[in-house]
Protein backbone atom coordinates (compact mmCIF):
# COMPACT_ATOMS: atom_id res chain seq x y z
CA MET A 1 -67.03 17.65 23.49
CA ASN A 2 -65.98 14.20 22.42
CA GLY A 3 -66.36 15.26 18.77
CA GLY A 4 -64.14 18.29 19.41
CA ASP A 5 -61.64 16.26 21.36
CA SER A 6 -61.57 13.65 18.60
CA ALA A 7 -60.94 16.29 15.92
CA LEU A 8 -58.31 17.87 18.13
CA ASP A 9 -56.70 14.48 18.75
CA LEU A 10 -56.67 13.75 15.03
CA ALA A 11 -55.14 17.15 14.28
CA ALA A 12 -52.50 16.61 16.98
CA LYS A 13 -51.65 13.19 15.53
CA ARG A 14 -51.36 14.66 12.03
CA LEU A 15 -49.14 17.41 13.39
CA GLU A 16 -46.94 14.87 15.19
CA ARG A 17 -46.61 12.81 12.00
CA ALA A 18 -45.77 15.91 9.99
CA ILE A 19 -43.13 16.93 12.54
CA ALA A 20 -41.64 13.42 12.57
CA LEU A 21 -41.51 13.40 8.77
CA LEU A 22 -39.95 16.86 8.74
CA GLU A 23 -37.32 15.77 11.28
CA GLN A 24 -36.57 12.67 9.23
CA ARG A 25 -36.14 14.66 6.03
CA LEU A 26 -34.01 17.23 7.81
CA SER A 27 -31.83 14.47 9.22
CA GLU A 28 -31.43 12.96 5.72
CA ARG A 29 -30.50 16.33 4.27
CA LEU A 30 -27.93 16.94 6.97
CA LYS A 31 -26.49 13.48 6.35
CA HIS A 32 -26.28 14.12 2.60
CA ALA A 33 -24.69 17.52 3.25
CA ALA A 34 -22.05 15.84 5.40
CA ASP A 35 -21.57 13.15 2.74
CA GLY A 36 -21.21 15.94 0.17
CA ASP A 37 -18.37 17.42 2.18
CA LEU A 38 -16.68 14.03 2.24
CA PHE A 39 -17.25 13.68 -1.49
CA ASP A 40 -15.71 17.11 -2.07
CA GLN A 41 -12.73 16.17 0.09
CA ASP A 42 -12.31 12.87 -1.78
CA ARG A 43 -12.61 14.64 -5.11
CA ALA A 44 -9.99 17.21 -4.09
CA ARG A 45 -7.65 14.46 -2.87
CA LEU A 46 -8.11 12.48 -6.07
CA ALA A 47 -7.51 15.57 -8.19
CA ALA A 48 -4.26 16.24 -6.33
CA GLU A 49 -3.16 12.63 -6.78
CA LEU A 50 -4.01 12.82 -10.49
CA ASP A 51 -1.92 15.97 -10.85
CA GLN A 52 1.00 14.23 -9.14
CA ALA A 53 0.61 11.18 -11.37
CA ARG A 54 0.57 13.36 -14.49
CA ALA A 55 3.70 15.19 -13.35
CA ARG A 56 5.41 11.85 -12.73
CA GLU A 57 4.28 10.65 -16.17
CA ARG A 58 5.89 13.71 -17.79
CA GLU A 59 9.11 13.08 -15.85
CA LEU A 60 9.16 9.45 -16.98
CA GLU A 61 8.49 10.42 -20.59
CA GLU A 62 11.40 12.89 -20.48
CA ALA A 63 13.69 10.29 -18.90
CA GLY A 64 12.60 7.75 -21.53
CA ALA A 65 13.32 10.20 -24.35
CA GLU A 66 16.77 10.95 -22.89
CA ALA A 67 17.53 7.24 -22.50
CA SER A 68 16.38 6.57 -26.06
CA ALA A 69 18.59 9.36 -27.40
CA ALA A 70 21.57 8.06 -25.40
CA LEU A 71 20.94 4.53 -26.67
CA GLY A 72 20.73 5.83 -30.23
CA ARG A 73 24.08 7.62 -29.84
CA ALA A 74 25.63 4.48 -28.35
CA ILE A 75 24.37 2.35 -31.24
CA THR A 76 25.76 4.86 -33.72
CA GLU A 77 29.15 4.84 -31.97
CA ILE A 78 29.23 1.03 -31.85
CA ARG A 79 28.37 0.79 -35.55
CA ALA A 80 31.02 3.33 -36.38
CA ALA A 81 33.55 1.42 -34.32
CA LEU A 82 32.59 -1.89 -35.92
CA ASN A 83 32.69 -0.39 -39.39
CA GLY A 84 36.09 1.14 -38.66
CA HIS A 85 37.46 -2.20 -37.54
CA ALA A 86 35.84 -4.01 -40.43
CA GLY A 87 37.38 -1.56 -42.84
CA GLN A 88 40.84 -2.13 -41.36
CA GLU A 89 40.54 -5.91 -41.77
CA HIS A 90 39.96 -5.69 -45.51
């Protein structure tokens, strides 16, 4: 019976190791699944922030274009005024 008990003991030990390994792998997979959720949440948050930044960039570009146009008109008016005064002096 010792030979049978020994084989049974060895089989039980192998089974225990296999179960421990399975539990470890399952735990790792659950951890990665939870990390994946966090990654998805981070990615969604970053995508929303990127969209906001792009919208702000468009707003700033429009404001810059308007300011540039206003500055161009002001320069034109100043030149016209200076040329008008210069013409009167001659």
